[in-house]
């Protein structure tokens, strides 16, 4: 049943007609509920509200698989402006972005040019930029880009997905860079040739990755809504005497808000992923595909006042 639910929502995420309809009429429904707003300025008030409750933020301009060079350059300039605004307004926020939004599928030279501009700004203001991970076929390219920039910039991090067989080795290879890694289970539909098909195997690999990266002494973001993974991390860090300054939990905006606030009260760093932009529909469907429990969280978030 879970596989059917996952496949159903992944299918919906790729439906062009529904995506178009969502952009035309759904933005106002989603804004302030599961996305910050249709642009970054309109998201600022929601970020400030989260900050006032002790929650840190990472923002992401939704939209990937850009195939137009002009749009990739526009996304770059928009990201730079976002970093400058975060600094100017003193927001407790980082930035997340996808390499396909900067032109990964167009030209590698273009991506490096765009990313260099962004990281120059990030270094100036000391604001972390996380390179999001996409599907498996773009995984190696993404990691190669991260490795290149990590040798020259401090304020860059990336993401590893527990459902891929390759990820344990990737984590070992990255250790020499002392990386800040966001660990997730993974949201894309992948072949059993490259990814664990069973949830139990993904969960076990996720635990293994959390433990490896923390014991390597690297800063770790545990991005999950799964109570079992949260409790595992709490126990692991207590058993090994790992400081709360070495890790954080991350969750999605509009989902499990009570749990987010409770983690802050318990003394843990909690970062909320706040996406913004017109392309909210595909993002939303992939989040529902990740975990059936997200459906209930999402509906509650979408209907809140």
Protein backbone atom coordinates (compact mmCIF):
# COMPACT_ATOMS: atom_id res chain seq x y z
CA UNK A 1 0.00 0.00 0.00
CA UNK A 2 2.82 2.38 0.87
CA UNK A 3 4.49 1.76 -2.50
CA UNK A 4 1.21 2.48 -4.29
CA UNK A 5 0.76 5.71 -2.32
CA UNK A 6 4.32 6.78 -3.11
CA UNK A 7 3.96 6.03 -6.82
CA UNK A 8 0.61 7.82 -6.96
CA UNK A 9 1.95 11.08 -5.52
CA UNK A 10 5.12 10.91 -7.60
CA UNK A 11 2.93 10.51 -10.68
CA UNK A 12 0.88 13.54 -9.64
CA UNK A 13 4.05 15.56 -9.08
CA UNK A 14 4.95 15.18 -12.76
CA UNK A 15 1.50 15.99 -14.15
CA UNK A 16 1.98 19.14 -16.24
CA UNK A 17 -1.70 20.10 -16.29
CA UNK A 18 -2.00 19.92 -12.51
CA UNK A 19 1.26 21.83 -12.10
CA UNK A 20 -0.05 24.58 -14.34
CA UNK A 21 -3.38 24.72 -12.53
CA UNK A 22 -1.62 24.89 -9.16
CA UNK A 23 0.47 27.83 -10.35
CA UNK A 24 -2.63 29.65 -11.56
CA UNK A 25 -4.88 29.28 -8.55
CA UNK A 26 -3.12 27.43 -5.76
CA UNK A 27 -0.41 29.84 -4.66
CA UNK A 28 -2.53 31.74 -2.20
CA UNK A 29 -3.78 28.49 -0.66
CA UNK A 30 -0.24 27.24 -0.09
CA UNK A 31 1.40 30.53 0.97
CA UNK A 32 1.97 30.69 4.69
CA UNK A 33 0.82 27.08 5.04
CA UNK A 34 3.30 24.77 3.29
CA UNK A 35 5.37 27.40 1.45
CA UNK A 36 6.49 30.80 2.63
CA UNK A 37 5.11 32.78 -0.29
CA UNK A 38 5.30 33.19 -4.03
CA UNK A 39 8.58 35.12 -3.71
CA UNK A 40 11.18 35.71 -1.02
CA UNK A 41 9.98 39.17 0.13
CA UNK A 42 6.52 37.76 0.85
CA UNK A 43 8.14 34.94 2.85
CA UNK A 44 10.05 37.19 5.23
CA UNK A 45 7.18 37.67 7.67
CA UNK A 46 6.83 33.90 8.06
CA UNK A 47 10.57 33.48 8.60
CA UNK A 48 10.49 36.16 11.31
CA UNK A 49 7.60 34.36 13.02
CA UNK A 50 9.59 31.13 13.07
CA UNK A 51 12.71 32.89 14.35
CA UNK A 52 10.70 34.47 17.18
CA UNK A 53 9.73 30.95 18.27
CA UNK A 54 13.38 29.89 18.38
CA UNK A 55 13.30 28.07 15.04
CA UNK A 56 16.07 28.49 12.49
CA UNK A 57 15.26 28.41 8.77
CA UNK A 58 16.60 27.42 5.39
CA UNK A 59 14.87 28.87 2.34
CA UNK A 60 14.62 27.43 -1.15
CA UNK A 61 13.30 29.02 -4.35
CA UNK A 62 11.24 26.20 -5.81
CA UNK A 63 11.90 25.17 -9.39
CA UNK A 64 14.35 22.72 -10.90
CA UNK A 65 15.37 21.23 -14.25
CA UNK A 66 15.96 24.67 -15.77
CA UNK A 67 16.85 24.35 -19.46
CA UNK A 68 17.15 28.04 -20.33
CA UNK A 69 20.44 29.83 -19.64
CA UNK A 70 18.74 33.18 -19.03
CA UNK A 71 16.47 31.65 -16.39
CA UNK A 72 19.47 29.97 -14.71
CA UNK A 73 21.18 33.36 -14.49
CA UNK A 74 17.99 34.95 -13.14
CA UNK A 75 17.84 32.27 -10.43
CA UNK A 76 21.45 33.03 -9.56
CA UNK A 77 20.82 36.75 -9.13
CA UNK A 78 17.66 36.04 -7.13
CA UNK A 79 19.64 33.77 -4.79
CA UNK A 80 22.28 36.46 -4.31
CA UNK A 81 19.58 39.01 -3.46
CA UNK A 82 18.06 36.55 -1.00
CA UNK A 83 21.38 36.11 0.82
CA UNK A 84 21.86 39.88 0.95
CA UNK A 85 18.33 40.36 2.33
CA UNK A 86 18.84 37.66 4.98
CA UNK A 87 21.96 39.49 6.13
CA UNK A 88 20.40 42.96 5.99
CA UNK A 89 17.35 41.92 8.00
CA UNK A 90 19.27 39.77 10.46
CA UNK A 91 17.21 36.66 9.75
CA UNK A 92 18.27 33.33 11.23
CA UNK A 93 18.22 31.65 7.85
CA UNK A 94 20.37 29.70 5.45
CA UNK A 95 19.78 29.02 1.74
CA UNK A 96 19.18 25.77 -0.12
CA UNK A 97 19.32 25.36 -3.89
CA UNK A 98 19.38 22.76 -6.64
CA UNK A 99 22.08 22.58 -9.27
CA UNK A 100 19.53 22.03 -12.03
CA UNK A 101 18.06 25.44 -11.17
CA UNK A 102 21.48 26.97 -11.97
CA UNK A 103 21.86 25.14 -15.27
CA UNK A 104 23.27 21.69 -14.47
CA UNK A 105 21.38 20.22 -17.44
CA UNK A 106 22.57 23.01 -19.75
CA UNK A 107 26.30 23.45 -19.27
CA UNK A 108 28.72 22.57 -16.46
CA UNK A 109 30.67 25.79 -16.97
CA UNK A 110 27.46 27.78 -16.46
CA UNK A 111 26.77 26.03 -13.14
CA UNK A 112 30.27 26.77 -11.83
CA UNK A 113 30.00 30.40 -12.90
CA UNK A 114 26.61 30.85 -11.24
CA UNK A 115 27.56 28.97 -8.08
CA UNK A 116 30.78 30.94 -7.70
CA UNK A 117 28.80 34.20 -7.66
CA UNK A 118 26.45 32.83 -5.03
CA UNK A 119 29.21 31.49 -2.77
CA UNK A 120 31.22 34.68 -3.00
CA UNK A 121 28.18 36.44 -1.53
CA UNK A 122 27.60 33.69 1.03
CA UNK A 123 31.19 33.92 2.25
CA UNK A 124 30.90 37.69 2.57
CA UNK A 125 27.86 37.43 4.83
CA UNK A 126 28.71 34.06 6.44
CA UNK A 127 25.47 32.42 5.37
CA UNK A 128 25.45 28.68 4.63
CA UNK A 129 24.34 27.53 1.19
CA UNK A 130 23.23 23.90 0.94
CA UNK A 131 23.40 22.14 -2.41
CA UNK A 132 20.28 19.98 -2.48
CA UNK A 133 20.53 16.46 -3.85
CA UNK A 134 18.37 15.51 -6.80
CA UNK A 135 17.77 12.19 -8.54
CA UNK A 136 20.41 9.46 -8.74
CA UNK A 137 21.53 10.25 -12.28
CA UNK A 138 22.64 13.72 -11.11
CA UNK A 139 24.13 12.55 -7.81
CA UNK A 140 27.76 12.21 -8.91
CA UNK A 141 27.78 15.53 -10.75
CA UNK A 142 26.33 17.23 -7.69
CA UNK A 143 28.92 15.72 -5.35
CA UNK A 144 31.75 16.65 -7.72
CA UNK A 145 30.53 20.24 -7.71
CA UNK A 146 30.34 20.24 -3.92
CA UNK A 147 33.85 18.83 -3.53
CA UNK A 148 35.27 21.44 -5.85
CA UNK A 149 33.67 24.36 -4.04
CA UNK A 150 34.29 22.95 -0.54
CA UNK A 151 38.03 23.23 -1.16
CA UNK A 152 37.66 26.98 -1.64
CA UNK A 153 34.63 28.04 0.39
CA UNK A 154 33.52 27.44 3.97
CA UNK A 155 29.84 28.24 3.64
CA UNK A 156 28.73 25.39 1.42
CA UNK A 157 27.11 22.08 2.38
CA UNK A 158 25.25 19.30 0.63
CA UNK A 159 22.75 16.48 1.07
CA UNK A 160 23.00 12.68 1.06
CA UNK A 161 20.06 10.32 0.56
CA UNK A 162 19.79 7.14 2.62
CA UNK A 163 17.82 5.17 0.06
CA UNK A 164 20.73 4.99 -2.40
CA UNK A 165 23.11 2.03 -2.10
CA UNK A 166 26.07 4.29 -2.90
CA UNK A 167 25.53 6.75 -0.05
CA UNK A 168 27.61 5.03 2.64
CA UNK A 169 30.65 5.16 0.36
CA UNK A 170 29.84 8.76 -0.60
CA UNK A 171 29.79 9.73 3.06
CA UNK A 172 33.16 8.06 3.61
CA UNK A 173 34.64 9.85 0.60
CA UNK A 174 33.35 13.22 1.79
CA UNK A 175 34.76 12.87 5.29
CA UNK A 176 38.11 14.38 4.23
CA UNK A 177 36.28 17.66 3.55
CA UNK A 178 34.84 17.79 7.11
CA UNK A 179 31.43 18.51 5.59
CA UNK A 180 28.21 19.90 6.96
CA UNK A 181 25.79 17.27 5.63
CA UNK A 182 22.02 17.15 5.59
CA UNK A 183 20.93 13.52 5.76
CA UNK A 184 17.55 12.57 4.29
CA UNK A 185 15.83 9.34 3.33
CA UNK A 186 15.17 10.41 -0.27
CA UNK A 187 12.14 11.50 -2.28
CA UNK A 188 12.71 10.51 -5.91
CA UNK A 189 11.48 7.32 -7.55
CA UNK A 190 14.56 5.20 -8.24
CA UNK A 191 15.19 1.73 -9.62
CA UNK A 192 15.92 -1.13 -7.25
CA UNK A 193 19.26 -1.31 -9.09
CA UNK A 194 20.40 1.86 -7.33
CA UNK A 195 18.14 2.25 -4.29
CA UNK A 196 16.77 0.17 -1.43
CA UNK A 197 13.18 -0.76 -2.34
CA UNK A 198 12.16 -1.60 1.23
CA UNK A 199 11.49 1.07 3.87
CA UNK A 200 13.08 -1.01 6.64
CA UNK A 201 16.37 -1.11 4.74
CA UNK A 202 16.26 2.64 4.10
CA UNK A 203 15.65 3.25 7.81
CA UNK A 204 18.60 1.09 8.85
CA UNK A 205 20.88 2.80 6.36
CA UNK A 206 19.68 6.19 7.58
CA UNK A 207 20.63 5.30 11.15
CA UNK A 208 24.02 4.08 9.96
CA UNK A 209 24.70 7.34 8.10
CA UNK A 210 23.66 9.48 11.07
CA UNK A 211 25.99 7.57 13.36
CA UNK A 212 28.90 7.60 10.88
CA UNK A 213 28.80 11.32 10.22
CA UNK A 214 28.38 12.27 13.86
CA UNK A 215 31.18 10.00 15.03
CA UNK A 216 33.37 11.43 12.27
CA UNK A 217 32.93 14.73 14.10
CA UNK A 218 31.08 16.44 11.26
CA UNK A 219 28.12 18.76 11.64
CA UNK A 220 24.97 16.83 10.78
CA UNK A 221 21.45 17.90 9.91
CA UNK A 222 18.97 15.10 10.51
CA UNK A 223 16.11 15.99 8.18
CA UNK A 224 13.17 13.78 9.12
CA UNK A 225 9.62 13.74 10.46
CA UNK A 226 10.09 10.17 11.69
CA UNK A 227 9.84 9.95 15.47
CA UNK A 228 11.92 6.77 15.49
CA UNK A 229 14.82 8.56 13.79
CA UNK A 230 14.53 11.54 16.10
CA UNK A 231 14.62 9.32 19.18
CA UNK A 232 17.50 7.32 17.72
CA UNK A 233 19.52 10.51 17.27
CA UNK A 234 18.76 11.71 20.79
CA UNK A 235 19.89 8.42 22.33
CA UNK A 236 22.94 8.12 20.08
CA UNK A 237 24.21 11.60 20.90
CA UNK A 238 23.68 11.07 24.62
CA UNK A 239 25.38 7.66 24.60
CA UNK A 240 28.44 9.05 22.80
CA UNK A 241 28.49 12.43 24.54
CA UNK A 242 27.97 14.32 21.29
CA UNK A 243 27.23 17.99 21.86
CA UNK A 244 23.98 19.51 20.63
CA UNK A 245 26.17 22.07 18.85
CA UNK A 246 27.27 19.34 16.39
CA UNK A 247 23.86 18.56 14.94
CA UNK A 248 20.38 19.87 14.26
CA UNK A 249 17.01 18.52 13.29
CA UNK A 250 15.27 19.74 10.16
CA UNK A 251 11.61 19.55 9.18
CA UNK A 252 9.33 21.00 6.55
CA UNK A 253 7.39 24.21 6.98
CA UNK A 254 3.77 23.56 7.88
CA UNK A 255 4.32 19.98 9.04
CA UNK A 256 4.74 18.78 12.63
CA UNK A 257 4.91 22.31 14.01
CA UNK A 258 4.21 21.17 17.57
CA UNK A 259 7.10 18.69 17.41
CA UNK A 260 9.40 21.39 16.04
CA UNK A 261 8.63 23.68 18.98
CA UNK A 262 9.00 20.83 21.46
CA UNK A 263 12.49 20.02 20.17
CA UNK A 264 13.47 23.66 20.69
CA UNK A 265 12.16 23.52 24.27
CA UNK A 266 14.26 20.39 24.84
CA UNK A 267 17.37 22.34 23.84
CA UNK A 268 17.88 21.00 20.33
CA UNK A 269 18.54 23.15 17.29
CA UNK A 270 15.57 22.92 14.95
CA UNK A 271 15.69 24.25 11.38
CA UNK A 272 12.58 24.64 9.24
CA UNK A 273 12.78 24.19 5.47
CA UNK A 274 10.75 27.07 4.00
CA UNK A 275 10.31 26.85 0.22
CA UNK A 276 8.83 29.68 -1.82
CA UNK A 277 7.77 30.27 -5.40
CA UNK A 278 5.18 29.28 -7.98
CA UNK A 279 6.41 25.71 -8.44
CA UNK A 280 5.04 24.53 -5.10
CA UNK A 281 2.86 21.73 -6.44
CA UNK A 282 5.58 19.26 -7.48
CA UNK A 283 7.43 19.88 -4.23
CA UNK A 284 4.26 19.23 -2.24
CA UNK A 285 3.46 15.96 -4.04
CA UNK A 286 7.00 14.64 -3.49
CA UNK A 287 6.73 15.38 0.22
CA UNK A 288 3.49 13.38 0.38
CA UNK A 289 5.17 10.55 -1.54
CA UNK A 290 8.05 10.42 0.97
CA UNK A 291 5.94 9.29 3.87
CA UNK A 292 2.20 8.54 4.14
CA UNK A 293 2.06 10.26 7.55
CA UNK A 294 2.94 13.53 5.80
CA UNK A 295 -0.54 13.51 4.25
CA UNK A 296 -2.15 14.12 7.64
CA UNK A 297 0.44 16.73 8.59
CA UNK A 298 -0.04 18.51 5.27
CA UNK A 299 -3.81 18.60 5.47
CA UNK A 300 -3.61 20.02 8.97
CA UNK A 301 -1.13 22.65 7.79
CA UNK A 302 -3.20 23.58 4.73
CA UNK A 303 -6.35 24.13 6.79
CA UNK A 304 -4.83 26.07 9.67
CA UNK A 305 -5.78 29.70 10.04
